[in-house]
Amino acid sequence: MSSTAIGRRLVAVQSPAQSHEQEQAQEQQRRRARRLGPQASGPLTRLLGPVLVLVAWAGASAAGMLSAQTLSAPWSVVQTAGGLLADGRLQDNLSTSLLRSGLGLAAGVAAGLVLALLAGLSRWGEALVDGPLQVKRAIPTLALIPLAILWLGIGEPMKVTLIALAVLVPVYVTTHAALRGVDVRFVELAESVGLSRGAFVRRVALPGALPGFFTGLRMAVTVSWLALVVVEQINATSGIGYLMTQARTYGQTDVIVVGLVLYGGFGLVSDTAVRWAERRALSWRRSLAR
């Protein structure tokens, strides 16, 4: 029997043991990653922080450390919210705020994504788009309010436009960075298999940019609520911000807190929804949090 045949038999005999050792080594690496990384958490874990804040707030109010003029007690806020629901004011103003935020968020995300694709996939696009958007990034949305009022008036177009401009920037920045960060080896592989420009964008560029896009989307959702708070206090006649402005005039801290709780609650819910969509869309990715 030749030495080559003997070597092949030895490899065949040793390969199951070697594969078993490799599996054990991989399992040890996974256990080490789980030990060093964050532990798995349940779906209600993120509510722990807000619940602790609520408990501290209720305890301080019950102990008399917080007066009603400074900050209304939680039970007073719940009672006030019930009264606003009963007379229909809360539903009407809430629906107006959700519509404004939703329109601005959708317009801003769409614009930011399109501009990021133009700048991330084209040298000319980057030369034309990136500079102005970096300038916009350095200009606070509040600074654009006077011009927005002069150009668009004080109606709904002005409010939705300001929300969209605030949302656009984080989506553009994170998506553009993710597109520019696609591994060059994937580009070379796409060229070697003869992918067209459109197929490259669909199969390589967009999947590679998804993590950055979802990061920007999470930031955009939060920014849309922040911008909504601002625009609803500019000559508005409806919305949660308008309700809070009226309450400030009459010193109704309970109504103000109802508005704050709504803003915070919807912000938390929308962020959770984006995180859920991110996990579903990026289920193929193994990361420290998985």
Protein backbone atom coordinates (compact mmCIF):
# COMPACT_ATOMS: atom_id res chain seq x y z
CA MET A 1 0.00 0.00 0.00
CA SER A 2 1.36 3.37 -0.97
CA SER A 3 2.10 6.10 1.54
CA THR A 4 -0.55 8.29 -0.12
CA ALA A 5 -3.26 5.72 0.49
CA ILE A 6 -2.12 5.27 4.10
CA GLY A 7 -2.24 9.03 4.60
CA ARG A 8 -5.75 9.22 3.18
CA ARG A 9 -6.90 6.45 5.55
CA LEU A 10 -5.35 8.23 8.52
CA VAL A 11 -7.09 11.46 7.54
CA ALA A 12 -10.38 9.60 7.17
CA VAL A 13 -9.93 8.03 10.59
CA GLN A 14 -8.88 11.23 12.28
CA SER A 15 -11.41 13.57 10.66
CA PRO A 16 -14.40 12.67 12.94
CA ALA A 17 -12.30 13.29 16.03
CA GLN A 18 -10.98 16.52 14.59
CA SER A 19 -14.46 17.71 13.66
CA HIS A 20 -15.63 16.90 17.19
CA GLU A 21 -12.76 18.92 18.64
CA GLN A 22 -13.59 21.80 16.33
CA GLU A 23 -17.23 21.72 17.44
CA GLN A 24 -16.14 21.75 21.08
CA ALA A 25 -13.84 24.72 20.41
CA GLN A 26 -16.65 26.63 18.68
CA GLU A 27 -19.02 25.88 21.55
CA GLN A 28 -16.45 27.15 24.03
CA GLN A 29 -16.08 30.34 22.01
CA ARG A 30 -19.87 30.82 22.00
CA ARG A 31 -20.03 30.25 25.77
CA ARG A 32 -17.22 32.72 26.31
CA ALA A 33 -19.01 35.30 24.18
CA ARG A 34 -22.21 34.77 26.18
CA ARG A 35 -20.26 35.05 29.45
CA LEU A 36 -18.50 38.26 28.44
CA GLY A 37 -21.41 39.83 26.54
CA PRO A 38 -24.77 41.01 27.85
CA GLN A 39 -27.08 38.28 29.07
CA ALA A 40 -30.35 37.56 27.31
CA SER A 41 -33.24 39.63 28.59
CA GLY A 42 -36.97 39.18 28.51
CA PRO A 43 -39.41 41.30 26.52
CA LEU A 44 -40.41 43.35 29.57
CA THR A 45 -36.88 44.12 30.76
CA ARG A 46 -36.84 47.53 29.08
CA LEU A 47 -39.79 48.57 31.26
CA LEU A 48 -37.73 48.21 34.43
CA GLY A 49 -36.24 51.72 34.23
CA PRO A 50 -39.55 53.53 33.61
CA VAL A 51 -41.22 51.52 36.38
CA LEU A 52 -38.49 52.51 38.86
CA VAL A 53 -38.90 56.17 37.89
CA LEU A 54 -42.67 55.86 38.39
CA VAL A 55 -42.20 54.28 41.81
CA ALA A 56 -39.76 57.02 42.88
CA TRP A 57 -42.16 59.69 41.61
CA ALA A 58 -45.13 58.16 43.46
CA GLY A 59 -43.09 57.76 46.66
CA ALA A 60 -41.87 61.37 46.58
CA SER A 61 -45.42 62.63 45.98
CA ALA A 62 -46.90 60.51 48.76
CA ALA A 63 -44.19 61.64 51.19
CA GLY A 64 -44.88 65.30 50.43
CA MET A 65 -41.47 65.89 48.88
CA LEU A 66 -43.13 67.04 45.63
CA SER A 67 -45.90 69.60 45.78
CA ALA A 68 -48.75 69.62 43.25
CA GLN A 69 -47.56 73.01 41.96
CA THR A 70 -44.10 71.60 41.21
CA LEU A 71 -45.10 68.19 39.84
CA SER A 72 -48.50 66.56 40.07
CA ALA A 73 -48.74 63.12 41.63
CA PRO A 74 -49.13 60.08 39.33
CA TRP A 75 -52.70 59.45 40.48
CA SER A 76 -53.61 63.06 39.72
CA VAL A 77 -52.14 62.70 36.25
CA VAL A 78 -54.15 59.52 35.66
CA GLN A 79 -57.31 61.26 36.82
CA THR A 80 -56.62 64.23 34.55
CA ALA A 81 -55.97 61.93 31.58
CA GLY A 82 -59.29 60.21 32.25
CA GLY A 83 -61.06 63.57 32.24
CA LEU A 84 -59.40 64.57 28.95
CA LEU A 85 -60.42 61.25 27.44
CA ALA A 86 -63.98 61.66 28.65
CA ASP A 87 -64.47 65.05 26.99
CA GLY A 88 -62.67 63.96 23.79
CA ARG A 89 -59.90 66.54 23.88
CA LEU A 90 -57.11 64.02 24.32
CA GLN A 91 -58.14 61.85 21.36
CA ASP A 92 -58.50 64.81 18.98
CA ASN A 93 -55.18 66.39 19.88
CA LEU A 94 -53.38 63.06 19.94
CA SER A 95 -54.58 62.11 16.47
CA THR A 96 -53.38 65.47 15.13
CA SER A 97 -49.93 64.99 16.70
CA LEU A 98 -49.61 61.43 15.38
CA LEU A 99 -50.53 62.59 11.88
CA ARG A 100 -47.95 65.38 11.93
CA SER A 101 -45.22 63.16 13.29
CA GLY A 102 -46.03 60.32 10.90
CA LEU A 103 -46.04 62.52 7.79
CA GLY A 104 -42.81 64.25 8.76
CA LEU A 105 -41.14 60.96 9.67
CA ALA A 106 -42.14 59.27 6.41
CA ALA A 107 -41.02 62.21 4.27
CA GLY A 108 -37.74 62.63 6.14
CA VAL A 109 -36.83 58.94 6.09
CA ALA A 110 -37.61 58.65 2.37
CA ALA A 111 -35.60 61.77 1.51
CA GLY A 112 -32.68 60.76 3.72
CA LEU A 113 -32.55 57.26 2.22
CA VAL A 114 -32.65 58.50 -1.38
CA LEU A 115 -29.96 61.12 -0.74
CA ALA A 116 -27.78 58.58 1.06
CA LEU A 117 -28.01 56.22 -1.91
CA LEU A 118 -27.09 59.02 -4.30
CA ALA A 119 -24.12 60.11 -2.21
CA GLY A 120 -23.02 56.62 -1.20
CA LEU A 121 -23.07 55.02 -4.63
CA SER A 122 -21.87 57.89 -6.81
CA ARG A 123 -18.88 60.22 -6.63
CA TRP A 124 -20.83 62.99 -8.31
CA GLY A 125 -23.75 62.38 -5.99
CA GLU A 126 -21.50 62.70 -2.96
CA ALA A 127 -19.96 65.89 -4.33
CA LEU A 128 -23.40 67.45 -4.84
CA VAL A 129 -25.29 66.11 -1.81
CA ASP A 130 -22.91 65.51 1.07
CA GLY A 131 -21.67 69.08 1.54
CA PRO A 132 -25.09 70.76 1.82
CA LEU A 133 -26.36 68.05 4.17
CA GLN A 134 -23.33 68.37 6.42
CA VAL A 135 -24.08 72.11 6.58
CA LYS A 136 -27.71 71.31 7.45
CA ARG A 137 -26.46 68.90 10.09
CA ALA A 138 -24.65 71.77 11.81
CA ILE A 139 -27.74 74.02 11.75
CA PRO A 140 -30.27 73.30 14.51
CA THR A 141 -33.85 72.81 13.37
CA LEU A 142 -34.91 75.57 15.77
CA ALA A 143 -32.80 78.03 13.80
CA LEU A 144 -34.84 77.29 10.66
CA ILE A 145 -38.18 78.17 12.24
CA PRO A 146 -38.16 81.89 11.29
CA LEU A 147 -37.41 81.12 7.63
CA ALA A 148 -39.93 78.27 7.59
CA ILE A 149 -42.64 80.61 8.88
CA LEU A 150 -41.77 83.25 6.25
CA TRP A 151 -41.75 80.73 3.41
CA LEU A 152 -44.54 78.33 4.44
CA GLY A 153 -46.64 80.26 6.94
CA ILE A 154 -47.75 78.86 10.27
CA GLY A 155 -49.94 76.03 8.97
CA GLU A 156 -49.42 72.30 8.69
CA PRO A 157 -46.89 72.39 5.78
CA MET A 158 -44.43 74.33 7.94
CA LYS A 159 -44.73 71.89 10.84
CA VAL A 160 -44.41 68.75 8.69
CA THR A 161 -41.48 70.24 6.76
CA LEU A 162 -39.54 71.04 9.92
CA ILE A 163 -40.08 67.53 11.25
CA ALA A 164 -38.93 66.05 7.93
CA LEU A 165 -35.80 68.22 7.89
CA ALA A 166 -34.95 67.15 11.42
CA VAL A 167 -35.50 63.46 10.58
CA LEU A 168 -33.59 63.54 7.30
CA VAL A 169 -30.14 64.13 8.79
CA PRO A 170 -29.67 61.03 11.02
CA VAL A 171 -31.04 58.72 8.33
CA TYR A 172 -28.70 60.20 5.73
CA VAL A 173 -25.59 60.20 7.93
CA THR A 174 -25.85 56.61 9.18
CA THR A 175 -26.99 55.12 5.86
CA HIS A 176 -24.32 56.97 3.89
CA ALA A 177 -21.63 55.81 6.33
CA ALA A 178 -22.87 52.21 6.09
CA LEU A 179 -22.81 52.32 2.29
CA ARG A 180 -19.28 53.67 2.28
CA GLY A 181 -18.30 50.98 4.79
CA VAL A 182 -19.35 47.99 2.64
CA ASP A 183 -16.41 45.59 2.47
CA VAL A 184 -14.48 46.04 -0.77
CA ARG A 185 -14.19 42.25 -1.06
CA PHE A 186 -17.94 42.06 -1.63
CA VAL A 187 -17.59 44.64 -4.40
CA GLU A 188 -14.81 42.64 -6.02
CA LEU A 189 -16.86 39.46 -5.74
CA ALA A 190 -19.85 41.18 -7.38
CA GLU A 191 -17.60 42.30 -10.23
CA SER A 192 -16.13 38.84 -10.65
CA VAL A 193 -19.56 37.19 -11.00
CA GLY A 194 -20.70 39.90 -13.40
CA LEU A 195 -23.47 41.56 -11.38
CA SER A 196 -25.10 44.54 -13.03
CA ARG A 197 -25.27 47.92 -11.30
CA GLY A 198 -28.86 47.37 -10.25
CA ALA A 199 -28.20 43.85 -8.99
CA PHE A 200 -25.18 45.10 -7.05
CA VAL A 201 -27.32 47.73 -5.33
CA ARG A 202 -30.07 45.21 -4.49
CA ARG A 203 -27.91 42.28 -3.40
CA VAL A 204 -24.81 43.89 -1.93
CA ALA A 205 -25.14 47.61 -1.20
CA LEU A 206 -28.61 47.71 0.35
CA PRO A 207 -28.18 44.61 2.58
CA GLY A 208 -24.79 45.94 3.69
CA ALA A 209 -26.30 49.32 4.57
CA LEU A 210 -29.27 47.94 6.52
CA PRO A 211 -27.58 48.02 9.97
CA GLY A 212 -26.68 51.69 9.50
CA PHE A 213 -30.14 52.49 8.15
CA PHE A 214 -31.88 50.98 11.17
CA THR A 215 -29.58 52.90 13.50
CA GLY A 216 -30.54 56.10 11.72
CA LEU A 217 -34.21 55.11 11.78
CA ARG A 218 -34.15 54.69 15.54
CA MET A 219 -32.59 58.13 15.90
CA ALA A 220 -35.07 59.56 13.38
CA VAL A 221 -38.08 58.27 15.32
CA THR A 222 -36.84 60.00 18.46
CA VAL A 223 -35.99 63.19 16.57
CA SER A 224 -39.47 63.30 15.04
CA TRP A 225 -41.03 63.44 18.51
CA LEU A 226 -38.54 66.09 19.64
CA ALA A 227 -39.30 68.23 16.59
CA LEU A 228 -43.02 67.71 17.15
CA VAL A 229 -42.76 69.18 20.64
CA VAL A 230 -41.19 72.32 19.16
CA VAL A 231 -43.46 72.88 16.17
CA GLU A 232 -46.66 72.29 18.12
CA GLN A 233 -45.90 75.28 20.30
CA ILE A 234 -45.72 77.68 17.33
CA ASN A 235 -49.18 79.16 16.81
CA ALA A 236 -50.79 75.73 16.87
CA THR A 237 -54.50 75.25 17.46
CA SER A 238 -54.38 71.50 18.04
CA GLY A 239 -52.01 68.76 19.10
CA ILE A 240 -50.46 67.59 22.34
CA GLY A 241 -48.01 70.51 22.29
CA TYR A 242 -50.90 72.95 21.98
CA LEU A 243 -52.64 71.26 24.91
CA MET A 244 -49.47 71.64 26.99
CA THR A 245 -49.07 75.30 26.01
CA GLN A 246 -52.61 76.04 27.13
CA ALA A 247 -51.98 74.18 30.38
CA ARG A 248 -48.83 76.24 31.00
CA THR A 249 -50.87 79.43 30.66
CA TYR A 250 -53.26 78.28 33.39
CA GLY A 251 -50.65 76.54 35.58
CA GLN A 252 -52.06 73.04 35.05
CA THR A 253 -49.03 70.87 35.75
CA ASP A 254 -51.10 67.70 35.60
CA VAL A 255 -52.06 68.36 31.96
CA ILE A 256 -48.43 69.17 31.13
CA VAL A 257 -47.30 65.87 32.65
CA VAL A 258 -49.99 64.01 30.67
CA GLY A 259 -48.46 65.45 27.49
CA LEU A 260 -44.95 64.54 28.58
CA VAL A 261 -45.99 60.99 29.39
CA LEU A 262 -47.63 60.67 25.98
CA TYR A 263 -44.53 61.94 24.20
CA GLY A 264 -42.28 59.62 26.18
CA GLY A 265 -44.61 56.64 25.86
CA PHE A 266 -45.01 56.92 22.11
CA GLY A 267 -41.27 57.45 21.76
CA LEU A 268 -40.58 54.24 23.68
CA VAL A 269 -43.19 52.28 21.74
CA SER A 270 -41.93 53.48 18.36
CA ASP A 271 -38.32 52.74 19.28
CA THR A 272 -39.32 49.25 20.38
CA ALA A 273 -41.13 48.72 17.08
CA VAL A 274 -38.03 49.74 15.11
CA ARG A 275 -35.83 47.44 17.20
CA TRP A 276 -38.23 44.56 16.53
CA ALA A 277 -38.17 45.27 12.78
CA GLU A 278 -34.37 45.47 12.91
CA ARG A 279 -34.11 42.05 14.56
CA ARG A 280 -36.40 40.55 11.94
CA ALA A 281 -34.65 42.17 8.99
CA LEU A 282 -31.16 41.38 10.30
CA SER A 283 -31.86 37.91 11.66
CA TRP A 284 -28.87 36.62 9.66
CA ARG A 285 -26.43 38.78 11.63
CA ARG A 286 -24.70 37.42 14.71
CA SER A 287 -23.80 40.16 17.19
CA LEU A 288 -22.95 40.59 20.84
CA ALA A 289 -26.60 41.18 21.77
CA ARG A 290 -27.77 37.89 20.29
